[in-house]
Amino acid sequence: MKSLLLGATALTLMAGGAMANGAYLVSGSGEGSTYKNGYAGPIVESVSPITEAELFGEVEDRNGNGTVGNLATCATETSGALCFGIGQGNIVAKSPEVANGDVCVIRADLEPEYTFLFSQNQRLNDWGDIRKQWEAGRVTIYTSDTSSGSLGTLQEIAAATGFASANIETLPSWDAVVAKVKSDPRAVGFTHRYADPSGFLNDLVDDHGMTVTGLAERALRRQTHANGEPVYSVNMEVPYETTRFGTAVETTPSMGTPVVLFGTCPAKYGSEAPYVQAVHDEIAGIDAGEFKVDLGFWSSLANSAASAGSAASDSGWAYFDDLTK
């Protein structure tokens, strides 16, 4: 008799709305992913006490599939579990998942990812040089089709500059992009990523002898998320390379977009919606420092110095205005 009553109760609860069944974060694709290796740990550690207190259990870190894939996962969540995801702020802000009310932005202030160009042509040293030749159709900018966020950002920059016919091509991997840039004087690489000066960007300089530079377009400056947080800002000291033994860091001005933490909207959880909303609200109230990316000593030190220096400065936008006149 007791088991029958429990079964009936469960059926009643399910009829009243989706039963929440655990909680998970879709982050990165695994080894080599900054979302997985840098962002996920602090999020799981900070959010789990909140989900556990609201009886949803500890947050499980699951492999994701980039910004677009993570949005799709949370938008189509049907198991009743709390779905959280991370992604590029500029892509999330304009996504149909957010517009349709399937995904809600919880925080739009996680450590930024920045825009970088790389070239082996000594005549293409900065955004001013590259932009001029790109507008004239004389160079092609390449990115990896395994990184939908980078491609989406590049397309947005092209639209903002008014270069309707800008030459953009994708290649199947970052290795292929690097090889193309090394072999073609009219090829420029583009990536939108966390500024890890001991990783991919550093390798471009040390292993491949390339020039790395940042970029920004003023037409993107006024974009904001629904909560008023800016989608883009300019930092004048974004780290991209550490010297041997990490004794110094090279920096470049660049435009960045904060990484966003989002989740399946509470309204999709039926009778559990108030409790899901409470989780989202508590996460939004956590001090931003709790979500600090950890990719090792030199990376953290370099980014801390840059963040303390000149993030979101008006002078940064003015710098790129002058550069592209």
Foldseek 3Di string as FASTA:
>chain_A
DVVVVVVVVVVVVVVQFQAAAAAEEAFAQDPPGLRVQWQPVLCQVVQQVLCVVLVRHGYHYDHAQADVRLLVCQLPDDNNHWYKYKYQLVDVQPDVSVVVQFKDFLDFAADWWWKKKKAPAPQCQEPQSLVVCQLVVQAAEEEAPSHVRFVVVVVVVCVLVVSPPGHYDHDHDVVVLLVVRLVDRRYMYMDTGAQQQVDDLQCCCPVVVMHMEAADDPSQFCDAHPVRHRQKAKFAFRWHHADPVRPDTHGYIYMIGGMTMMIGQLVNGRPCSVSVVVSSNVVSPDDNVSSGTDPDDSRSVSVVVRVVPAIRHPVSNVVNVVSND
